[in-house]
Amino acid sequence: MKIHQLPSDPGRKQRRKRIGRGRGSGQGTYAGKGVKGQKSRSGASLPPSFEGGQMPLIRRIPKRGFSNPFKVVYSCVNVGRLAELFNENETVDIEALKKRRLIKGKDPMVKILGDGEINKPLIVRAHKFSRSAVEKITASGGKCEVIGQDDSKTN
């Protein structure tokens, strides 16, 4: 048996519905569009949200609030977590934080917060620091370096 000798599945191929080809075809006269109305006319295409001329639902519901497109969102990391995961005199930057899964995302803005204790000197590079974080890092003999948004990109 060859591939061209295999029988096709019954019901697999269906004939195309020929619309508007006379009454005997079963889709004659109004061609399956009913009688009159907006959708029976040629070129009729309505958006899914169209509600027949009635005021659409999206316009009937009251709107409140505002989304600021310029909002800056920071990924926050506490000083205590840095003390747990980094060794003495190690440099803590965006890549090191990503490697240890403290932050995620393509180009996150990072803020170091002062929750927890740190007792080893670290060189910390981030976009922002809280006052208590700066005090704790410098008290342990480390350094805080503020980086800009452009400095964090490695491309």
Protein backbone atom coordinates (compact mmCIF):
# COMPACT_ATOMS: atom_id res chain seq x y z
CA MET A 1 0.00 0.00 0.00
CA LYS A 2 1.24 3.45 -0.89
CA ILE A 3 0.36 6.81 0.62
CA HIS A 4 -1.88 7.76 -2.31
CA GLN A 5 -3.85 4.53 -1.84
CA LEU A 6 -4.84 5.29 1.77
CA PRO A 7 -8.55 6.02 2.12
CA SER A 8 -9.43 9.41 3.57
CA ASP A 9 -11.40 9.70 6.83
CA PRO A 10 -15.13 9.86 6.20
CA GLY A 11 -16.49 13.33 6.98
CA ARG A 12 -13.00 14.81 6.98
CA LYS A 13 -13.48 16.99 3.92
CA GLN A 14 -16.51 19.26 4.01
CA ARG A 15 -17.74 21.19 1.05
CA ARG A 16 -17.67 24.97 1.22
CA LYS A 17 -21.06 26.56 1.92
CA ARG A 18 -22.06 28.37 -1.30
CA ILE A 19 -24.12 31.31 -0.15
CA GLY A 20 -26.56 33.21 -2.36
CA ARG A 21 -26.75 30.64 -5.18
CA GLY A 22 -30.51 30.19 -5.40
CA ARG A 23 -33.23 28.63 -3.27
CA GLY A 24 -32.28 25.08 -4.08
CA SER A 25 -28.87 25.51 -2.41
CA GLY A 26 -30.46 26.07 1.01
CA GLN A 27 -28.70 29.44 1.34
CA GLY A 28 -30.54 31.38 -1.32
CA THR A 29 -32.82 34.45 -1.08
CA TYR A 30 -31.36 36.23 1.97
CA ALA A 31 -28.14 34.18 1.99
CA GLY A 32 -28.41 33.22 5.68
CA LYS A 33 -28.49 36.85 6.86
CA GLY A 34 -32.14 37.06 7.78
CA VAL A 35 -34.40 39.90 6.67
CA LYS A 36 -33.26 43.54 6.74
CA GLY A 37 -31.22 45.12 9.52
CA GLN A 38 -27.71 46.43 9.88
CA LYS A 39 -25.96 43.06 9.73
CA SER A 40 -27.82 41.97 6.58
CA ARG A 41 -26.27 44.75 4.49
CA SER A 42 -23.07 44.38 2.56
CA GLY A 43 -19.90 45.55 4.24
CA ALA A 44 -21.43 45.16 7.70
CA SER A 45 -18.75 44.73 10.35
CA LEU A 46 -19.36 45.85 13.91
CA PRO A 47 -16.92 45.94 16.80
CA PRO A 48 -17.54 43.35 19.55
CA SER A 49 -18.32 46.17 21.99
CA PHE A 50 -21.19 47.54 19.87
CA GLU A 51 -24.48 47.39 21.77
CA GLY A 52 -26.96 48.38 19.07
CA GLY A 53 -26.70 52.12 19.59
CA GLN A 54 -27.35 51.95 23.34
CA MET A 55 -24.74 53.75 25.49
CA PRO A 56 -21.89 51.23 25.80
CA LEU A 57 -21.17 49.66 29.19
CA ILE A 58 -17.65 51.10 29.31
CA ARG A 59 -19.10 54.62 29.05
CA ARG A 60 -21.88 53.98 31.60
CA ILE A 61 -19.55 52.95 34.42
CA PRO A 62 -18.08 55.82 36.49
CA LYS A 63 -14.35 56.33 36.25
CA ARG A 64 -12.07 57.24 39.15
CA GLY A 65 -8.40 57.56 39.74
CA PHE A 66 -5.32 58.09 37.66
CA SER A 67 -2.29 56.02 36.63
CA ASN A 68 0.93 58.02 36.62
CA PRO A 69 2.97 56.94 33.58
CA PHE A 70 6.14 58.45 35.09
CA LYS A 71 5.93 56.57 38.40
CA VAL A 72 9.27 55.07 39.48
CA VAL A 73 9.01 51.70 41.21
CA TYR A 74 11.93 50.50 43.31
CA SER A 75 12.86 46.93 44.20
CA CYS A 76 13.62 47.12 47.92
CA VAL A 77 16.37 45.11 49.59
CA ASN A 78 17.04 45.21 53.32
CA VAL A 79 20.49 45.54 54.87
CA GLY A 80 19.90 42.35 56.88
CA ARG A 81 19.56 40.28 53.69
CA LEU A 82 22.81 41.75 52.34
CA ALA A 83 24.59 40.70 55.53
CA GLU A 84 23.23 37.14 55.18
CA LEU A 85 24.10 36.60 51.50
CA PHE A 86 27.33 38.53 50.89
CA ASN A 87 30.87 38.06 52.24
CA GLU A 88 33.18 40.75 53.68
CA ASN A 89 34.44 43.48 51.31
CA GLU A 90 32.27 42.11 48.49
CA THR A 91 30.76 44.53 45.96
CA VAL A 92 26.97 44.50 45.98
CA ASP A 93 25.59 45.80 42.68
CA ILE A 94 22.57 45.12 40.45
CA GLU A 95 24.11 42.02 38.85
CA ALA A 96 25.10 40.53 42.21
CA LEU A 97 21.59 41.10 43.58
CA LYS A 98 20.04 39.47 40.50
CA LYS A 99 22.39 36.50 40.80
CA ARG A 100 21.27 35.91 44.39
CA ARG A 101 17.61 36.44 43.38
CA LEU A 102 17.00 39.40 45.66
CA ILE A 103 15.65 41.40 42.72
CA LYS A 104 14.15 40.47 39.37
CA GLY A 105 13.21 42.22 36.16
CA LYS A 106 15.11 43.62 33.19
CA ASP A 107 16.28 47.01 34.50
CA PRO A 108 15.04 47.32 38.09
CA MET A 109 15.62 50.43 40.18
CA VAL A 110 16.99 49.31 43.55
CA LYS A 111 16.59 50.91 46.96
CA ILE A 112 18.46 49.66 50.01
CA LEU A 113 16.46 49.84 53.24
CA GLY A 114 17.78 49.72 56.79
CA ASP A 115 15.85 46.78 58.25
CA GLY A 116 18.12 44.22 59.93
CA GLU A 117 21.70 44.29 61.18
CA ILE A 118 24.96 44.36 59.23
CA ASN A 119 28.36 43.74 60.83
CA LYS A 120 30.67 43.31 57.82
CA PRO A 121 32.03 45.92 55.41
CA LEU A 122 30.33 45.86 51.99
CA ILE A 123 30.56 48.14 48.97
CA VAL A 124 26.93 48.70 48.02
CA ARG A 125 25.91 50.27 44.69
CA ALA A 126 22.21 51.11 44.29
CA HIS A 127 19.92 53.81 42.92
CA LYS A 128 18.68 54.93 46.35
CA PHE A 129 19.40 54.39 50.05
CA SER A 130 17.36 55.06 53.14
CA ARG A 131 19.06 57.15 55.81
CA SER A 132 19.16 54.24 58.30
CA ALA A 133 20.69 51.94 55.64
CA VAL A 134 23.50 54.44 54.95
CA GLU A 135 24.20 54.75 58.69
CA LYS A 136 24.35 50.96 59.21
CA ILE A 137 26.53 50.28 56.15
CA THR A 138 29.04 53.04 56.96
CA ALA A 139 29.09 52.05 60.67
CA SER A 140 30.14 48.52 59.65
CA GLY A 141 33.01 49.95 57.57
CA GLY A 142 31.34 49.67 54.16
CA LYS A 143 30.59 52.22 51.43
CA CYS A 144 27.37 53.39 49.78
CA GLU A 145 27.55 54.44 46.12
CA VAL A 146 24.55 55.98 44.38
CA ILE A 147 24.24 54.97 40.72
CA GLY A 148 22.06 56.51 38.03
CA GLN A 149 19.53 54.66 35.85
CA ASP A 150 21.99 54.61 32.91
CA ASP A 151 24.78 53.09 35.04
CA SER A 152 22.73 49.97 35.81
CA LYS A 153 22.29 49.00 32.15
CA THR A 154 24.88 46.56 30.85
CA ASN A 155 23.93 46.66 27.14
